[in-house]
Protein backbone atom coordinates (compact mmCIF):
# COMPACT_ATOMS: atom_id res chain seq x y z
CA UNK A 1 0.00 0.00 0.00
CA UNK A 2 1.28 3.44 -0.92
CA UNK A 3 1.23 6.38 1.43
CA UNK A 4 -0.60 9.41 0.02
CA UNK A 5 -0.07 12.98 1.25
CA UNK A 6 -2.45 15.81 0.40
CA UNK A 7 -0.58 19.07 -0.21
CA UNK A 8 -3.63 21.19 -0.97
CA UNK A 9 -7.19 20.67 -2.12
CA UNK A 10 -9.60 23.45 -3.02
CA UNK A 11 -12.23 21.20 -4.63
CA UNK A 12 -12.30 17.87 -6.46
CA UNK A 13 -10.75 19.46 -9.57
CA UNK A 14 -7.97 21.54 -7.98
CA UNK A 15 -5.62 19.54 -5.80
CA UNK A 16 -2.07 18.35 -5.42
CA UNK A 17 -1.09 15.06 -3.82
CA UNK A 18 2.15 13.16 -3.29
CA UNK A 19 2.28 9.36 -3.30
CA UNK A 20 5.25 7.63 -1.71
CA UNK A 21 5.94 4.37 -3.54
CA UNK A 22 9.08 3.00 -1.92
CA UNK A 23 11.89 5.37 -2.91
CA UNK A 24 9.82 6.98 -5.66
CA UNK A 25 7.71 10.10 -5.06
CA UNK A 26 4.84 10.74 -7.47
CA UNK A 27 3.31 14.21 -7.47
CA UNK A 28 -0.16 14.43 -9.02
CA UNK A 29 -1.40 17.90 -9.83
CA UNK A 30 -5.05 18.11 -10.89
CA UNK A 31 -6.52 21.38 -12.13
CA UNK A 32 -9.73 22.35 -13.89
CA UNK A 33 -7.69 24.15 -16.57
CA UNK A 34 -4.94 21.64 -17.42
CA UNK A 35 -6.29 18.30 -16.28
CA UNK A 36 -3.90 15.95 -14.48
CA UNK A 37 -0.13 16.27 -14.52
CA UNK A 38 2.05 13.61 -12.99
CA UNK A 39 5.67 14.18 -11.92
CA UNK A 40 7.92 11.33 -10.75
CA UNK A 41 10.91 11.99 -8.51
CA UNK A 42 13.53 9.54 -7.27
CA UNK A 43 14.61 11.66 -4.30
CA UNK A 44 13.08 14.03 -1.80
CA UNK A 45 15.56 16.88 -2.58
CA UNK A 46 14.61 16.64 -6.26
CA UNK A 47 10.92 16.98 -5.36
CA UNK A 48 11.61 19.93 -3.04
CA UNK A 49 13.62 21.66 -5.78
CA UNK A 50 10.67 21.24 -8.16
CA UNK A 51 8.26 22.60 -5.52
CA UNK A 52 10.43 25.68 -4.90
CA UNK A 53 10.47 26.39 -8.65
CA UNK A 54 6.77 25.59 -9.17
CA UNK A 55 5.59 27.77 -6.26
CA UNK A 56 7.77 30.85 -6.73
CA UNK A 57 7.48 33.67 -4.17
CA UNK A 58 6.72 36.22 -6.91
CA UNK A 59 3.51 34.33 -7.76
CA UNK A 60 2.32 34.52 -4.16
CA UNK A 61 2.79 38.21 -3.34
CA UNK A 62 0.26 39.08 -0.67
CA UNK A 63 -0.38 35.37 -0.04
CA UNK A 64 2.97 34.40 1.47
CA UNK A 65 1.29 32.27 4.17
CA UNK A 66 -0.37 30.12 1.50
CA UNK A 67 2.97 29.46 -0.23
CA UNK A 68 4.70 28.72 3.09
CA UNK A 69 1.97 26.21 3.96
CA UNK A 70 2.41 24.44 0.59
CA UNK A 71 6.20 24.28 0.95
CA UNK A 72 5.88 23.07 4.56
CA UNK A 73 3.51 20.30 3.40
CA UNK A 74 6.11 19.19 0.82
CA UNK A 75 8.83 19.18 3.48
CA UNK A 76 6.71 17.02 5.77
CA UNK A 77 6.48 14.24 3.16
PDB file of N, CA and C in Angstrom:
ATOM      1  N   UNK A   1       0.847  -1.176   0.000  1.00  0.00           N
ATOM      2  CA  UNK A   1       0.000   0.000   0.000  1.00  0.00           C
ATOM      3  C   UNK A   1       0.897   1.245   0.000  1.00  0.00           C
ATOM      4  N   UNK A   2       0.515   2.208  -0.799  1.00  0.00           N
ATOM      5  CA  UNK A   2       1.284   3.437  -0.922  1.00  0.00           C
ATOM      6  C   UNK A   2       0.736   4.501   0.014  1.00  0.00           C
ATOM      7  N   UNK A   3       1.643   5.304   0.536  1.00  0.00           N
ATOM      8  CA  UNK A   3       1.230   6.379   1.425  1.00  0.00           C
ATOM      9  C   UNK A   3       0.954   7.622   0.585  1.00  0.00           C
ATOM     10  N   UNK A   4      -0.190   8.246   0.808  1.00  0.00           N
ATOM     11  CA  UNK A   4      -0.605   9.406   0.025  1.00  0.00           C
ATOM     12  C   UNK A   4      -0.692  10.635   0.930  1.00  0.00           C
ATOM     13  N   UNK A   5      -0.061  11.723   0.500  1.00  0.00           N
ATOM     14  CA  UNK A   5      -0.073  12.979   1.250  1.00  0.00           C
ATOM     15  C   UNK A   5      -0.818  14.032   0.438  1.00  0.00           C
ATOM     16  N   UNK A   6      -1.735  14.733   1.077  1.00  0.00           N
ATOM     17  CA  UNK A   6      -2.451  15.814   0.405  1.00  0.00           C
ATOM     18  C   UNK A   6      -1.732  17.123   0.692  1.00  0.00           C
ATOM     19  N   UNK A   7      -1.286  17.800  -0.360  1.00  0.00           N
ATOM     20  CA  UNK A   7      -0.583  19.068  -0.209  1.00  0.00           C
ATOM     21  C   UNK A   7      -1.594  20.200  -0.120  1.00  0.00           C
ATOM     22  N   UNK A   8      -2.507  20.257  -1.070  1.00  0.00           N
ATOM     23  CA  UNK A   8      -3.628  21.188  -0.973  1.00  0.00           C
ATOM     24  C   UNK A   8      -4.797  20.638  -1.771  1.00  0.00           C
ATOM     25  N   UNK A   9      -5.991  21.088  -1.410  1.00  0.00           N
ATOM     26  CA  UNK A   9      -7.193  20.670  -2.116  1.00  0.00           C
ATOM     27  C   UNK A   9      -8.224  21.776  -1.963  1.00  0.00           C
ATOM     28  N   UNK A  10      -8.579  22.407  -3.082  1.00  0.00           N
ATOM     29  CA  UNK A  10      -9.598  23.448  -3.015  1.00  0.00           C
ATOM     30  C   UNK A  10     -10.968  22.891  -3.372  1.00  0.00           C
ATOM     31  N   UNK A  11     -11.020  21.950  -4.299  1.00  0.00           N
ATOM     32  CA  UNK A  11     -12.228  21.199  -4.627  1.00  0.00           C
ATOM     33  C   UNK A  11     -11.777  19.909  -5.318  1.00  0.00           C
ATOM     34  N   UNK A  12     -12.725  19.149  -5.884  1.00  0.00           N
ATOM     35  CA  UNK A  12     -12.303  17.867  -6.461  1.00  0.00           C
ATOM     36  C   UNK A  12     -11.554  18.016  -7.778  1.00  0.00           C
ATOM     37  N   UNK A  13     -11.474  19.232  -8.327  1.00  0.00           N
ATOM     38  CA  UNK A  13     -10.747  19.461  -9.570  1.00  0.00           C
ATOM     39  C   UNK A  13      -9.451  20.242  -9.395  1.00  0.00           C
ATOM     40  N   UNK A  14      -9.185  20.761  -8.230  1.00  0.00           N
ATOM     41  CA  UNK A  14      -7.973  21.540  -7.983  1.00  0.00           C
ATOM     42  C   UNK A  14      -7.300  21.020  -6.727  1.00  0.00           C
ATOM     43  N   UNK A  15      -6.312  20.142  -6.939  1.00  0.00           N
ATOM     44  CA  UNK A  15      -5.624  19.541  -5.802  1.00  0.00           C
ATOM     45  C   UNK A  15      -4.233  19.101  -6.206  1.00  0.00           C
ATOM     46  N   UNK A  16      -3.419  18.862  -5.198  1.00  0.00           N
ATOM     47  CA  UNK A  16      -2.072  18.354  -5.416  1.00  0.00           C
ATOM     48  C   UNK A  16      -1.791  17.325  -4.343  1.00  0.00           C
ATOM     49  N   UNK A  17      -1.397  16.136  -4.766  1.00  0.00           N
ATOM     50  CA  UNK A  17      -1.086  15.064  -3.823  1.00  0.00           C
ATOM     51  C   UNK A  17       0.280  14.481  -4.133  1.00  0.00           C
ATOM     52  N   UNK A  18       0.876  13.855  -3.126  1.00  0.00           N
ATOM     53  CA  UNK A  18       2.147  13.160  -3.287  1.00  0.00           C
ATOM     54  C   UNK A  18       1.951  11.721  -2.815  1.00  0.00           C
ATOM     55  N   UNK A  19       2.311  10.764  -3.668  1.00  0.00           N
ATOM     56  CA  UNK A  19       2.278   9.356  -3.299  1.00  0.00           C
ATOM     57  C   UNK A  19       3.704   8.879  -3.096  1.00  0.00           C
ATOM     58  N   UNK A  20       3.936   8.203  -1.987  1.00  0.00           N
ATOM     59  CA  UNK A  20       5.247   7.632  -1.710  1.00  0.00           C
ATOM     60  C   UNK A  20       5.161   6.152  -2.056  1.00  0.00           C
ATOM     61  N   UNK A  21       5.915   5.759  -3.089  1.00  0.00           N
ATOM     62  CA  UNK A  21       5.943   4.371  -3.542  1.00  0.00           C
ATOM     63  C   UNK A  21       7.366   3.863  -3.397  1.00  0.00           C
ATOM     64  N   UNK A  22       7.705   3.421  -2.201  1.00  0.00           N
ATOM     65  CA  UNK A  22       9.076   2.997  -1.916  1.00  0.00           C
ATOM     66  C   UNK A  22       9.987   4.209  -1.913  1.00  0.00           C
ATOM     67  N   UNK A  23      10.981   4.222  -2.804  1.00  0.00           N
ATOM     68  CA  UNK A  23      11.891   5.366  -2.906  1.00  0.00           C
ATOM     69  C   UNK A  23      11.389   6.412  -3.893  1.00  0.00           C
ATOM     70  N   UNK A  24      10.337   6.090  -4.630  1.00  0.00           N
ATOM     71  CA  UNK A  24       9.816   6.984  -5.660  1.00  0.00           C
ATOM     72  C   UNK A  24       8.712   7.865  -5.086  1.00  0.00           C
ATOM     73  N   UNK A  25       8.739   9.138  -5.462  1.00  0.00           N
ATOM     74  CA  UNK A  25       7.711  10.102  -5.060  1.00  0.00           C
ATOM     75  C   UNK A  25       6.964  10.527  -6.321  1.00  0.00           C
ATOM     76  N   UNK A  26       5.647  10.373  -6.309  1.00  0.00           N
ATOM     77  CA  UNK A  26       4.838  10.744  -7.467  1.00  0.00           C
ATOM     78  C   UNK A  26       3.923  11.894  -7.063  1.00  0.00           C
ATOM     79  N   UNK A  27       4.111  13.023  -7.731  1.00  0.00           N
ATOM     80  CA  UNK A  27       3.308  14.211  -7.470  1.00  0.00           C
ATOM     81  C   UNK A  27       2.219  14.273  -8.536  1.00  0.00           C
ATOM     82  N   UNK A  28       0.968  14.310  -8.102  1.00  0.00           N
ATOM     83  CA  UNK A  28      -0.161  14.426  -9.024  1.00  0.00           C
ATOM     84  C   UNK A  28      -0.808  15.792  -8.802  1.00  0.00           C
ATOM     85  N   UNK A  29      -0.830  16.554  -9.866  1.00  0.00           N
ATOM     86  CA  UNK A  29      -1.397  17.901  -9.831  1.00  0.00           C
ATOM     87  C   UNK A  29      -2.631  17.907 -10.733  1.00  0.00           C
ATOM     88  N   UNK A  30      -3.793  18.122 -10.141  1.00  0.00           N
ATOM     89  CA  UNK A  30      -5.047  18.106 -10.891  1.00  0.00           C
ATOM     90  C   UNK A  30      -5.631  19.512 -10.867  1.00  0.00           C
ATOM     91  N   UNK A  31      -5.914  20.054 -12.057  1.00  0.00           N
ATOM     92  CA  UNK A  31      -6.523  21.377 -12.128  1.00  0.00           C
ATOM     93  C   UNK A  31      -7.663  21.357 -13.130  1.00  0.00           C
ATOM     94  N   UNK A  32      -8.604  22.276 -12.961  1.00  0.00           N
ATOM     95  CA  UNK A  32      -9.729  22.349 -13.890  1.00  0.00           C
ATOM     96  C   UNK A  32      -9.314  22.933 -15.239  1.00  0.00           C
ATOM     97  N   UNK A  33      -8.154  23.578 -15.312  1.00  0.00           N
ATOM     98  CA  UNK A  33      -7.685  24.154 -16.570  1.00  0.00           C
ATOM     99  C   UNK A  33      -6.834  23.182 -17.376  1.00  0.00           C
ATOM    100  N   UNK A  34      -5.936  22.452 -16.709  1.00  0.00           N
ATOM    101  CA  UNK A  34      -4.942  21.641 -17.419  1.00  0.00           C
ATOM    102  C   UNK A  34      -5.150  20.151 -17.276  1.00  0.00           C
ATOM    103  N   UNK A  35      -6.098  19.729 -16.489  1.00  0.00           N
ATOM    104  CA  UNK A  35      -6.286  18.297 -16.280  1.00  0.00           C
ATOM    105  C   UNK A  35      -5.297  17.771 -15.243  1.00  0.00           C
ATOM    106  N   UNK A  36      -4.819  16.558 -15.438  1.00  0.00           N
ATOM    107  CA  UNK A  36      -3.902  15.946 -14.475  1.00  0.00           C
ATOM    108  C   UNK A  36      -2.487  15.908 -15.031  1.00  0.00           C
ATOM    109  N   UNK A  37      -1.554  16.376 -14.209  1.00  0.00           N
ATOM    110  CA  UNK A  37      -0.127  16.274 -14.520  1.00  0.00           C
ATOM    111  C   UNK A  37       0.498  15.393 -13.465  1.00  0.00           C
ATOM    112  N   UNK A  38       1.396  14.539 -13.899  1.00  0.00           N
ATOM    113  CA  UNK A  38       2.053  13.611 -12.991  1.00  0.00           C
ATOM    114  C   UNK A  38       3.561  13.805 -13.104  1.00  0.00           C
ATOM    115  N   UNK A  39       4.216  13.998 -11.975  1.00  0.00           N
ATOM    116  CA  UNK A  39       5.666  14.181 -11.923  1.00  0.00           C
ATOM    117  C   UNK A  39       6.247  13.082 -11.033  1.00  0.00           C
ATOM    118  N   UNK A  40       7.286  12.407 -11.503  1.00  0.00           N
ATOM    119  CA  UNK A  40       7.916  11.332 -10.754  1.00  0.00           C
ATOM    120  C   UNK A  40       9.323  11.763 -10.340  1.00  0.00           C
ATOM    121  N   UNK A  41       9.612  11.614  -9.054  1.00  0.00           N
ATOM    122  CA  UNK A  41      10.914  11.990  -8.507  1.00  0.00           C
ATOM    123  C   UNK A  41      11.527  10.787  -7.810  1.00  0.00           C
ATOM    124  N   UNK A  42      12.847  10.668  -7.903  1.00  0.00           N
ATOM    125  CA  UNK A  42      13.532   9.545  -7.268  1.00  0.00           C
ATOM    126  C   UNK A  42      14.160   9.942  -5.938  1.00  0.00           C
ATOM    127  N   UNK A  43      14.080  11.233  -5.591  1.00  0.00           N
ATOM    128  CA  UNK A  43      14.610  11.658  -4.299  1.00  0.00           C
ATOM    129  C   UNK A  43      13.785  12.824  -3.758  1.00  0.00           C
ATOM    130  N   UNK A  44      13.793  12.942  -2.462  1.00  0.00           N
ATOM    131  CA  UNK A  44      13.080  14.035  -1.800  1.00  0.00           C
ATOM    132  C   UNK A  44      13.668  15.403  -2.157  1.00  0.00           C
ATOM    133  N   UNK A  45      15.007  15.575  -2.188  1.00  0.00           N
ATOM    134  CA  UNK A  45      15.555  16.879  -2.578  1.00  0.00           C
ATOM    135  C   UNK A  45      15.153  17.293  -3.996  1.00  0.00           C
ATOM    136  N   UNK A  46      15.051  16.330  -4.893  1.00  0.00           N
ATOM    137  CA  UNK A  46      14.611  16.637  -6.261  1.00  0.00           C
ATOM    138  C   UNK A  46      13.174  17.164  -6.259  1.00  0.00           C
ATOM    139  N   UNK A  47      12.298  16.544  -5.461  1.00  0.00           N
ATOM    140  CA  UNK A  47      10.916  16.980  -5.356  1.00  0.00           C
ATOM    141  C   UNK A  47      10.834  18.376  -4.735  1.00  0.00           C
ATOM    142  N   UNK A  48      11.625  18.622  -3.686  1.00  0.00           N
ATOM    143  CA  UNK A  48      11.609  19.930  -3.037  1.00  0.00           C
ATOM    144  C   UNK A  48      12.121  21.018  -3.974  1.00  0.00           C
ATOM    145  N   UNK A  49      13.109  20.706  -4.791  1.00  0.00           N
ATOM    146  CA  UNK A  49      13.616  21.661  -5.778  1.00  0.00           C
ATOM    147  C   UNK A  49      12.514  22.004  -6.784  1.00  0.00           C
ATOM    148  N   UNK A  50      11.780  21.000  -7.243  1.00  0.00           N
ATOM    149  CA  UNK A  50      10.671  21.236  -8.158  1.00  0.00           C
ATOM    150  C   UNK A  50       9.609  22.122  -7.499  1.00  0.00           C
ATOM    151  N   UNK A  51       9.285  21.827  -6.230  1.00  0.00           N
ATOM    152  CA  UNK A  51       8.256  22.595  -5.522  1.00  0.00           C
ATOM    153  C   UNK A  51       8.670  24.055  -5.361  1.00  0.00           C
ATOM    154  N   UNK A  52       9.942  24.297  -5.040  1.00  0.00           N
ATOM    155  CA  UNK A  52      10.429  25.680  -4.898  1.00  0.00           C
ATOM    156  C   UNK A  52      10.310  26.429  -6.224  1.00  0.00           C
ATOM    157  N   UNK A  53      10.581  25.745  -7.341  1.00  0.00           N
ATOM    158  CA  UNK A  53      10.467  26.390  -8.648  1.00  0.00           C
ATOM    159  C   UNK A  53       9.022  26.522  -9.105  1.00  0.00           C
ATOM    160  N   UNK A  54       8.183  25.569  -8.765  1.00  0.00           N
ATOM    161  CA  UNK A  54       6.767  25.591  -9.169  1.00  0.00           C
ATOM    162  C   UNK A  54       5.989  26.653  -8.402  1.00  0.00           C
ATOM    163  N   UNK A  55       6.284  26.809  -7.112  1.00  0.00           N
ATOM    164  CA  UNK A  55       5.585  27.766  -6.264  1.00  0.00           C
ATOM    165  C   UNK A  55       6.532  28.908  -5.912  1.00  0.00           C
ATOM    166  N   UNK A  56       6.829  29.742  -6.899  1.00  0.00           N
ATOM    167  CA  UNK A  56       7.770  30.853  -6.729  1.00  0.00           C
ATOM    168  C   UNK A  56       7.160  31.949  -5.860  1.00  0.00           C
ATOM    169  N   UNK A  57       7.985  32.611  -5.037  1.00  0.00           N
ATOM    170  CA  UNK A  57       7.483  33.671  -4.165  1.00  0.00           C
ATOM    171  C   UNK A  57       6.820  34.820  -4.939  1.00  0.00           C
ATOM    172  N   UNK A  58       7.295  35.122  -6.137  1.00  0.00           N
ATOM    173  CA  UNK A  58       6.716  36.222  -6.914  1.00  0.00           C
ATOM    174  C   UNK A  58       5.251  35.949  -7.272  1.00  0.00           C
ATOM    175  N   UNK A  59       4.889  34.682  -7.421  1.00  0.00           N
ATOM    176  CA  UNK A  59       3.510  34.327  -7.762  1.00  0.00           C
ATOM    177  C   UNK A  59       2.570  34.421  -6.564  1.00  0.00           C
ATOM    178  N   UNK A  60       3.125  34.520  -5.385  1.00  0.00           N
ATOM    179  CA  UNK A  60       2.318  34.519  -4.162  1.00  0.00           C
ATOM    180  C   UNK A  60       2.470  35.805  -3.368  1.00  0.00           C
ATOM    181  N   UNK A  61       2.693  36.925  -4.049  1.00  0.00           N
ATOM    182  CA  UNK A  61       2.789  38.210  -3.345  1.00  0.00           C
ATOM    183  C   UNK A  61       1.444  38.516  -2.705  1.00  0.00           C
ATOM    184  N   UNK A  62       1.477  38.835  -1.419  1.00  0.00           N
ATOM    185  CA  UNK A  62       0.257  39.080  -0.673  1.00  0.00           C
ATOM    186  C   UNK A  62      -0.351  37.817  -0.098  1.00  0.00           C
ATOM    187  N   UNK A  63       0.120  36.662  -0.542  1.00  0.00           N
ATOM    188  CA  UNK A  63      -0.376  35.371  -0.035  1.00  0.00           C
ATOM    189  C   UNK A  63       0.797  34.502   0.400  1.00  0.00           C
ATOM    190  N   UNK A  64       1.762  35.114   1.077  1.00  0.00           N
ATOM    191  CA  UNK A  64       2.970  34.395   1.472  1.00  0.00           C
ATOM    192  C   UNK A  64       2.666  33.206   2.387  1.00  0.00           C
ATOM    193  N   UNK A  65       1.645  33.349   3.241  1.00  0.00           N
ATOM    194  CA  UNK A  65       1.295  32.268   4.169  1.00  0.00           C
ATOM    195  C   UNK A  65       0.835  31.031   3.408  1.00  0.00           C
ATOM    196  N   UNK A  66       0.102  31.246   2.316  1.00  0.00           N
ATOM    197  CA  UNK A  66      -0.374  30.119   1.505  1.00  0.00           C
ATOM    198  C   UNK A  66       0.808  29.357   0.898  1.00  0.00           C
ATOM    199  N   UNK A  67       1.779  30.090   0.353  1.00  0.00           N
ATOM    200  CA  UNK A  67       2.967  29.457  -0.233  1.00  0.00           C
ATOM    201  C   UNK A  67       3.765  28.728   0.842  1.00  0.00           C
ATOM    202  N   UNK A  68       3.948  29.352   1.998  1.00  0.00           N
ATOM    203  CA  UNK A  68       4.703  28.721   3.086  1.00  0.00           C
ATOM    204  C   UNK A  68       4.028  27.434   3.543  1.00  0.00           C
ATOM    205  N   UNK A  69       2.704  27.422   3.560  1.00  0.00           N
ATOM    206  CA  UNK A  69       1.970  26.212   3.959  1.00  0.00           C
ATOM    207  C   UNK A  69       2.178  25.096   2.937  1.00  0.00           C
ATOM    208  N   UNK A  70       2.202  25.439   1.654  1.00  0.00           N
ATOM    209  CA  UNK A  70       2.411  24.437   0.594  1.00  0.00           C
ATOM    210  C   UNK A  70       3.828  23.870   0.701  1.00  0.00           C
ATOM    211  N   UNK A  71       4.821  24.736   0.850  1.00  0.00           N
ATOM    212  CA  UNK A  71       6.204  24.276   0.945  1.00  0.00           C
ATOM    213  C   UNK A  71       6.410  23.432   2.206  1.00  0.00           C
ATOM    214  N   UNK A  72       5.789  23.844   3.312  1.00  0.00           N
ATOM    215  CA  UNK A  72       5.882  23.067   4.556  1.00  0.00           C
ATOM    216  C   UNK A  72       5.268  21.683   4.388  1.00  0.00           C
ATOM    217  N   UNK A  73       4.164  21.600   3.641  1.00  0.00           N
ATOM    218  CA  UNK A  73       3.513  20.303   3.398  1.00  0.00           C
ATOM    219  C   UNK A  73       4.442  19.403   2.575  1.00  0.00           C
ATOM    220  N   UNK A  74       5.139  19.979   1.588  1.00  0.00           N
ATOM    221  CA  UNK A  74       6.113  19.188   0.817  1.00  0.00           C
ATOM    222  C   UNK A  74       7.244  18.707   1.717  1.00  0.00           C
ATOM    223  N   UNK A  75       7.721  19.556   2.610  1.00  0.00           N
ATOM    224  CA  UNK A  75       8.832  19.179   3.480  1.00  0.00           C
ATOM    225  C   UNK A  75       8.446  18.100   4.473  1.00  0.00           C
ATOM    226  N   UNK A  76       7.160  18.017   4.804  1.00  0.00           N
ATOM    227  CA  UNK A  76       6.712  17.021   5.774  1.00  0.00           C
ATOM    228  C   UNK A  76       6.532  15.629   5.157  1.00  0.00           C
ATOM    229  N   UNK A  77       6.622  15.542   3.833  1.00  0.00           N
ATOM    230  CA  UNK A  77       6.476  14.240   3.160  1.00  0.00           C
ATOM    231  C   UNK A  77       7.665  13.368   3.461  1.00  0.00           C
TER     232      UNK A  77
END
